[in-house]
Amino acid sequence: MPDFPPVRYGILGAANIARQFTRGVAGSTQAQIVCVGSRNAEKAAAFARECAIPRAHPSYEAVLADPDVEAVYIPLPNDMHAEWAIKAAAAGKHILSEKPLCMGGGEALAMFAAARAHGVHLREAYPYMSQPQTLRVRELMQTGTIGRVITMSAAFGFSLASADGAPKGDPANIRLVPARGGGALMDAGTYAMSFVRLVVGERPIRVNAIARNTTTAVDLTVAATLEFPSGTLAQITCSMATSFHRHATIIGDGGIIETSYSNHAPAEDRLALRVKHGIPNTVPFITEEVDGADGFRLEAESFARLVRTGTGWNGASEAESVDIAMALEALAASARDGNWVTLPGV
């Protein structure tokens, strides 16, 4: 049991991912959702009833003005994250923002600057990072289990549209609207990019990407190569037109790690990764199983510990989030013109 009262969250928006977050947090002794706000009062009220949230507000501003709210969860469209994170910081609220943190490196720097100026915590929400599966990968990397990372790949894809871009569900789905930060790169690609940054531990020097777009300019599938200062070369792929897949392979000069870097544990609450400790092809992979849980709950509780104690956050650091934002911005630019894009230096 925690030795602190639960952190009281308000939610900005009633998107489906907010519903999933609410369900994941339900019953936690460390995180509690006290209100939800929407620009549509009826939508907010319906969401609150469905998810058993005590209060509904008719605006995002009302959530920020609610004195009972200590932290906000931001599940808004990608192009709104920076604006509302900065407003939340000014209101003295801690901020847990859905991935991607924002639309580019400049926004990321401004968001963290606002958080520091107002004395609040800002973190980017990646459920998989709080899973024991990923924490074990971090441990293996920190202890040098597989030696120096030479190459790695990370992939994530699912089926939201057909190969020619025809929506399989709601055509108004925000992930199919490029002007709002939609597209495969800013959705599935954020996970692949963030995992590469987590493993390699530094900002890429330069990136090159190629995309397959729909007629409405949505990037449906993206493949990219990244070069790092340490010499590591990485590849990521992401798609909204494939069978579901989510996997990564880290290849070092002394071993290999394979993982699904999952957001959530399956019904049996166990996740696994495979590790090869050695160089020859005769060395077998060893499967390690670890406990798992709902990733939304794990990240919300991890952030609550940060708010209450100043420690305990096990997700993306500020440096990681800034580097991810810069890399995604560079990848998008490369996908548009087909050229290598060099990132700003550290």
Protein backbone atom coordinates (compact mmCIF):
# COMPACT_ATOMS: atom_id res chain seq x y z
CA MET A 1 0.00 0.00 0.00
CA PRO A 2 1.31 3.52 -0.79
CA ASP A 3 2.09 5.83 2.08
CA PHE A 4 0.47 8.79 0.34
CA PRO A 5 -3.09 9.74 -0.65
CA PRO A 6 -4.03 9.18 -4.31
CA VAL A 7 -3.18 11.91 -6.80
CA ARG A 8 -6.40 13.46 -8.09
CA TYR A 9 -6.53 13.56 -11.91
CA GLY A 10 -8.74 15.57 -14.21
CA ILE A 11 -9.10 14.50 -17.84
CA LEU A 12 -9.06 16.97 -20.72
CA GLY A 13 -11.33 15.44 -23.35
CA ALA A 14 -13.59 12.44 -23.74
CA ALA A 15 -11.75 10.53 -26.46
CA ASN A 16 -11.81 6.74 -26.53
CA ILE A 17 -8.26 6.53 -25.19
CA ALA A 18 -9.43 8.57 -22.18
CA ARG A 19 -12.06 5.89 -21.61
CA GLN A 20 -9.35 3.21 -21.68
CA PHE A 21 -7.20 5.24 -19.30
CA THR A 22 -10.12 5.62 -16.90
CA ARG A 23 -10.84 1.91 -16.90
CA GLY A 24 -7.18 1.14 -16.28
CA VAL A 25 -6.95 3.51 -13.31
CA ALA A 26 -10.24 2.39 -11.70
CA GLY A 27 -9.64 0.99 -8.24
CA SER A 28 -6.11 2.33 -7.87
CA THR A 29 -5.04 3.46 -4.43
CA GLN A 30 -2.44 5.84 -5.91
CA ALA A 31 -4.37 7.58 -8.71
CA GLN A 32 -7.96 8.80 -8.70
CA ILE A 33 -9.93 10.47 -11.50
CA VAL A 34 -12.13 13.22 -10.07
CA CYS A 35 -13.43 14.96 -13.19
CA VAL A 36 -13.54 15.07 -16.96
CA GLY A 37 -14.00 18.07 -19.22
CA SER A 38 -15.12 18.46 -22.82
CA ARG A 39 -16.08 21.35 -25.06
CA ASN A 40 -19.43 19.55 -25.34
CA ALA A 41 -21.15 19.54 -21.95
CA GLU A 42 -23.45 16.63 -22.84
CA LYS A 43 -20.51 14.55 -24.01
CA ALA A 44 -18.63 15.24 -20.78
CA ALA A 45 -21.66 14.32 -18.67
CA ALA A 46 -22.24 11.08 -20.60
CA PHE A 47 -18.57 10.14 -20.28
CA ALA A 48 -18.64 10.81 -16.54
CA ARG A 49 -21.74 8.65 -16.08
CA GLU A 50 -20.31 5.79 -18.15
CA CYS A 51 -16.95 5.82 -16.36
CA ALA A 52 -18.23 6.62 -12.84
CA ILE A 53 -16.32 9.92 -12.64
CA PRO A 54 -17.67 12.27 -9.93
CA ARG A 55 -17.80 15.49 -11.95
CA ALA A 56 -18.15 16.62 -15.55
CA HIS A 57 -17.09 20.06 -16.76
CA PRO A 58 -18.29 21.83 -19.94
CA SER A 59 -14.79 22.98 -20.93
CA TYR A 60 -11.11 22.19 -20.56
CA GLU A 61 -10.66 25.52 -18.77
CA ALA A 62 -13.10 24.39 -16.08
CA VAL A 63 -10.99 21.31 -15.39
CA LEU A 64 -7.92 23.51 -14.94
CA ALA A 65 -9.89 25.77 -12.60
CA ASP A 66 -11.14 22.87 -10.47
CA PRO A 67 -9.33 23.18 -7.10
CA ASP A 68 -9.63 19.45 -6.47
CA VAL A 69 -7.55 18.61 -9.56
CA GLU A 70 -3.83 18.09 -8.89
CA ALA A 71 -2.82 16.61 -12.24
CA VAL A 72 -4.30 16.44 -15.71
CA TYR A 73 -4.24 13.65 -18.25
CA ILE A 74 -4.23 14.97 -21.82
CA PRO A 75 -5.67 12.59 -24.46
CA LEU A 76 -6.48 15.37 -26.94
CA PRO A 77 -5.57 15.33 -30.65
CA ASN A 78 -1.81 15.54 -31.17
CA ASP A 79 -1.83 19.15 -32.33
CA MET A 80 -3.48 20.29 -29.07
CA HIS A 81 -1.04 18.73 -26.57
CA ALA A 82 1.38 21.63 -26.37
CA GLU A 83 -1.28 24.32 -25.98
CA TRP A 84 -3.11 22.59 -23.14
CA ALA A 85 -0.01 21.32 -21.37
CA ILE A 86 1.31 24.88 -21.19
CA LYS A 87 -2.09 26.14 -19.97
CA ALA A 88 -2.21 23.35 -17.37
CA ALA A 89 1.26 24.26 -16.14
CA ALA A 90 0.20 27.90 -15.77
CA ALA A 91 -2.77 26.69 -13.72
CA GLY A 92 -0.40 24.81 -11.39
CA LYS A 93 -1.43 21.34 -12.52
CA HIS A 94 0.96 18.46 -13.10
CA ILE A 95 0.68 17.03 -16.62
CA LEU A 96 0.63 13.49 -17.97
CA SER A 97 0.29 13.90 -21.74
CA GLU A 98 -0.53 11.20 -24.22
CA LYS A 99 2.08 10.36 -26.79
CA PRO A 100 3.32 11.93 -28.95
CA LEU A 101 4.12 14.70 -26.50
CA CYS A 102 3.66 17.29 -29.23
CA MET A 103 4.25 18.06 -32.90
CA GLY A 104 7.99 18.78 -32.78
CA GLY A 105 11.11 19.65 -30.83
CA GLY A 106 10.34 23.34 -30.41
CA GLU A 107 6.99 22.60 -28.79
CA ALA A 108 8.58 19.99 -26.51
CA LEU A 109 11.16 22.47 -25.24
CA ALA A 110 8.47 25.09 -24.64
CA MET A 111 6.31 22.61 -22.72
CA PHE A 112 9.08 21.54 -20.37
CA ALA A 113 10.13 25.16 -19.89
CA ALA A 114 6.57 26.03 -18.84
CA ALA A 115 6.46 23.10 -16.42
CA ARG A 116 9.71 24.18 -14.78
CA ALA A 117 8.60 27.81 -14.60
CA HIS A 118 5.45 26.85 -12.69
CA GLY A 119 6.98 24.12 -10.54
CA VAL A 120 4.98 21.19 -11.92
CA HIS A 121 5.89 17.84 -13.43
CA LEU A 122 5.34 17.08 -17.12
CA ARG A 123 5.74 13.59 -18.53
CA GLU A 124 4.87 11.79 -21.77
CA ALA A 125 2.62 8.75 -21.39
CA TYR A 126 3.88 5.49 -22.89
CA PRO A 127 2.14 2.61 -21.08
CA TYR A 128 4.70 0.05 -22.23
CA MET A 129 7.54 1.92 -20.49
CA SER A 130 6.02 1.24 -17.07
CA GLN A 131 5.62 -2.49 -17.75
CA PRO A 132 8.12 -4.80 -15.99
CA GLN A 133 8.92 -6.16 -19.45
CA THR A 134 10.39 -2.82 -20.54
CA LEU A 135 11.93 -2.13 -17.15
CA ARG A 136 13.78 -5.42 -17.58
CA VAL A 137 15.03 -4.31 -20.99
CA ARG A 138 16.31 -1.07 -19.42
CA GLU A 139 18.11 -3.15 -16.79
CA LEU A 140 19.71 -5.41 -19.39
CA MET A 141 20.90 -2.39 -21.35
CA GLN A 142 22.30 -0.66 -18.26
CA THR A 143 24.24 -3.77 -17.21
CA GLY A 144 25.68 -4.29 -20.70
CA THR A 145 24.24 -7.79 -20.99
CA ILE A 146 24.40 -7.85 -24.80
CA GLY A 147 27.40 -5.58 -25.15
CA ARG A 148 27.44 -2.59 -27.47
CA VAL A 149 24.30 -2.17 -29.57
CA ILE A 150 25.25 -2.45 -33.24
CA THR A 151 21.81 -2.54 -34.86
CA MET A 152 18.21 -2.72 -33.77
CA SER A 153 14.73 -2.62 -35.24
CA ALA A 154 11.33 -1.75 -33.83
CA ALA A 155 7.99 -2.25 -35.57
CA PHE A 156 4.38 -1.50 -34.74
CA GLY A 157 1.33 -1.76 -36.95
CA PHE A 158 -2.39 -2.40 -36.96
CA SER A 159 -5.33 -2.21 -39.34
CA LEU A 160 -7.18 1.10 -39.44
CA ALA A 161 -7.38 1.39 -43.23
CA SER A 162 -6.92 -0.76 -46.31
CA ALA A 163 -3.65 -0.76 -48.23
CA ASP A 164 -5.06 1.93 -50.56
CA GLY A 165 -6.11 4.08 -47.61
CA ALA A 166 -9.84 3.40 -47.44
CA PRO A 167 -10.96 3.70 -43.79
CA LYS A 168 -12.12 0.46 -42.19
CA GLY A 169 -14.07 2.33 -39.54
CA ASP A 170 -14.95 5.94 -38.88
CA PRO A 171 -13.48 8.08 -41.70
CA ALA A 172 -13.36 10.99 -39.26
CA ASN A 173 -10.97 9.09 -36.98
CA ILE A 174 -8.40 11.66 -35.86
CA ARG A 175 -5.57 9.32 -36.84
CA LEU A 176 -6.66 9.72 -40.46
CA VAL A 177 -6.55 13.54 -40.39
CA PRO A 178 -3.02 14.76 -41.22
CA ALA A 179 -3.76 18.37 -40.22
CA ARG A 180 -4.39 17.20 -36.64
CA GLY A 181 -1.15 15.25 -36.36
CA GLY A 182 -2.63 12.02 -37.65
CA GLY A 183 -0.85 9.33 -39.62
CA ALA A 184 1.10 6.18 -38.88
CA LEU A 185 4.29 7.97 -37.85
CA MET A 186 2.67 10.10 -35.15
CA ASP A 187 0.68 7.14 -33.86
CA ALA A 188 2.32 3.73 -34.11
CA GLY A 189 5.64 5.31 -35.06
CA THR A 190 5.92 7.14 -31.76
CA TYR A 191 6.16 3.79 -29.96
CA ALA A 192 8.85 2.43 -32.27
CA MET A 193 10.84 5.67 -32.11
CA SER A 194 10.54 5.93 -28.34
CA PHE A 195 11.72 2.36 -27.85
CA VAL A 196 14.76 2.93 -30.06
CA ARG A 197 15.61 6.06 -28.06
CA LEU A 198 15.17 4.14 -24.81
CA VAL A 199 17.58 1.42 -25.94
CA VAL A 200 20.26 3.49 -27.68
CA GLY A 201 20.22 6.24 -25.06
CA GLU A 202 20.97 9.20 -27.33
CA ARG A 203 19.49 11.46 -29.98
CA PRO A 204 19.94 10.37 -33.61
CA ILE A 205 22.42 12.27 -35.74
CA ARG A 206 20.35 11.95 -38.89
CA VAL A 207 17.34 10.05 -40.21
CA ASN A 208 15.90 8.97 -43.52
CA ALA A 209 12.29 7.88 -44.06
CA ILE A 210 10.00 6.76 -46.85
CA ALA A 211 6.22 6.78 -46.62
CA ARG A 212 3.26 5.36 -48.46
CA ASN A 213 0.51 7.95 -48.29
CA THR A 214 -3.20 7.90 -49.01
CA THR A 215 -4.82 10.27 -51.49
CA THR A 216 -5.63 12.54 -48.54
CA ALA A 217 -1.92 12.78 -47.62
CA VAL A 218 -2.12 10.52 -44.59
CA ASP A 219 1.08 8.54 -44.08
CA LEU A 220 -0.27 5.01 -43.93
CA THR A 221 3.04 3.13 -43.73
CA VAL A 222 6.51 4.46 -42.91
CA ALA A 223 9.93 2.82 -42.90
CA ALA A 224 13.00 4.65 -41.65
CA THR A 225 16.71 4.37 -40.89
CA LEU A 226 18.40 6.23 -38.04
CA GLU A 227 22.09 6.87 -37.37
CA PHE A 228 23.35 7.59 -33.83
CA PRO A 229 26.51 9.26 -32.49
CA SER A 230 27.66 5.97 -30.97
CA GLY A 231 27.59 4.34 -34.39
CA THR A 232 24.41 2.36 -33.80
CA LEU A 233 22.13 2.02 -36.82
CA ALA A 234 18.42 1.47 -36.22
CA GLN A 235 15.37 0.87 -38.34
CA ILE A 236 11.73 1.48 -37.50
CA THR A 237 8.54 0.64 -39.36
CA CYS A 238 4.98 1.62 -38.58
CA SER A 239 1.69 1.15 -40.35
CA MET A 240 -2.06 1.58 -40.05
CA ALA A 241 -2.77 -0.95 -42.81
CA THR A 242 -1.35 -4.25 -41.56
CA SER A 243 -2.14 -7.18 -39.37
CA PHE A 244 -1.40 -6.26 -35.76
CA HIS A 245 2.27 -6.63 -34.92
CA ARG A 246 4.52 -5.11 -32.29
CA HIS A 247 8.07 -6.33 -31.81
CA ALA A 248 11.67 -5.19 -31.48
CA THR A 249 15.05 -6.84 -31.85
CA ILE A 250 18.19 -5.39 -30.25
CA ILE A 251 21.44 -6.83 -31.61
CA GLY A 252 24.66 -6.24 -29.73
CA ASP A 253 28.21 -7.45 -30.16
CA GLY A 254 27.64 -9.82 -27.24
CA GLY A 255 24.02 -10.90 -27.45
CA ILE A 256 20.46 -10.21 -28.57
CA ILE A 257 17.17 -9.12 -26.96
CA GLU A 258 13.76 -9.69 -28.52
CA THR A 259 10.65 -8.09 -27.02
CA SER A 260 7.08 -7.10 -27.85
CA TYR A 261 7.41 -3.91 -25.73
CA SER A 262 3.71 -4.28 -24.94
CA ASN A 263 1.40 -1.63 -23.56
CA HIS A 264 -0.71 -4.11 -21.64
CA ALA A 265 -0.34 -7.62 -20.28
CA PRO A 266 -2.53 -10.42 -21.67
CA ALA A 267 -5.25 -12.08 -19.61
CA GLU A 268 -2.75 -14.24 -17.73
CA ASP A 269 -0.84 -11.10 -16.64
CA ARG A 270 2.51 -12.35 -17.92
CA LEU A 271 4.79 -10.79 -20.51
CA ALA A 272 8.00 -12.21 -21.95
CA LEU A 273 11.25 -11.30 -23.65
CA ARG A 274 13.92 -13.49 -25.20
CA VAL A 275 17.60 -12.96 -24.46
CA LYS A 276 20.66 -14.50 -26.10
CA HIS A 277 23.71 -14.27 -23.82
CA GLY A 278 26.58 -14.83 -26.23
CA ILE A 279 27.89 -14.66 -29.78
CA PRO A 280 27.95 -18.12 -31.47
CA ASN A 281 24.86 -19.39 -33.26
CA THR A 282 24.89 -22.35 -30.90
CA VAL A 283 23.96 -20.14 -27.94
CA PRO A 284 20.21 -20.54 -27.29
CA PHE A 285 17.73 -17.83 -26.47
CA ILE A 286 16.43 -17.81 -22.92
CA THR A 287 12.83 -16.75 -22.42
CA GLU A 288 12.22 -14.54 -19.39
CA GLU A 289 8.67 -14.09 -18.13
CA VAL A 290 7.71 -11.11 -16.02
CA ASP A 291 4.55 -9.87 -14.37
CA GLY A 292 2.44 -7.38 -16.25
CA ALA A 293 -0.69 -5.30 -15.80
CA ASP A 294 -2.78 -2.60 -17.44
CA GLY A 295 -0.24 -0.10 -18.76
CA PHE A 296 -2.49 2.91 -18.17
CA ARG A 297 -2.71 2.05 -14.49
CA LEU A 298 1.04 1.47 -14.20
CA GLU A 299 1.91 4.81 -15.81
CA ALA A 300 -0.72 6.74 -13.82
CA GLU A 301 0.59 5.28 -10.56
CA SER A 302 4.19 5.90 -11.56
CA PHE A 303 3.34 9.55 -12.27
CA ALA A 304 1.47 9.76 -8.98
CA ARG A 305 4.60 8.66 -7.14
CA LEU A 306 6.55 11.37 -8.94
CA VAL A 307 4.00 13.99 -7.92
CA ARG A 308 3.87 12.86 -4.29
CA THR A 309 7.52 11.95 -3.65
CA GLY A 310 9.56 13.50 -6.46
CA THR A 311 10.79 10.05 -7.50
CA GLY A 312 9.39 6.81 -8.84
CA TRP A 313 8.68 7.79 -12.44
CA ASN A 314 9.73 4.91 -14.69
CA GLY A 315 8.62 6.24 -18.06
CA ALA A 316 10.21 8.61 -20.57
CA SER A 317 12.54 11.24 -19.14
CA GLU A 318 12.50 14.86 -20.29
CA ALA A 319 15.61 14.24 -22.41
CA GLU A 320 14.04 11.17 -24.00
CA SER A 321 10.79 13.00 -24.80
CA VAL A 322 12.60 15.97 -26.34
CA ASP A 323 14.75 13.66 -28.47
CA ILE A 324 11.71 11.63 -29.55
CA ALA A 325 9.88 14.81 -30.58
CA MET A 326 12.88 16.04 -32.57
CA ALA A 327 13.36 12.68 -34.23
CA LEU A 328 9.68 12.37 -35.21
CA GLU A 329 9.76 15.88 -36.66
CA ALA A 330 12.88 15.00 -38.68
CA LEU A 331 11.39 11.70 -39.85
CA ALA A 332 8.26 13.48 -41.07
CA ALA A 333 10.38 15.99 -42.98
CA SER A 334 12.44 13.21 -44.54
CA ALA A 335 9.32 11.29 -45.56
CA ARG A 336 8.03 14.39 -47.34
CA ASP A 337 11.11 15.07 -49.48
CA GLY A 338 13.00 11.76 -49.45
CA ASN A 339 16.27 13.22 -48.16
CA TRP A 340 18.34 12.54 -45.07
CA VAL A 341 17.54 15.04 -42.31
CA THR A 342 20.14 16.02 -39.72
CA LEU A 343 18.92 16.65 -36.19
CA PRO A 344 20.04 19.52 -33.95
CA GLY A 345 23.06 18.69 -31.82
CA VAL A 346 22.80 18.00 -28.10
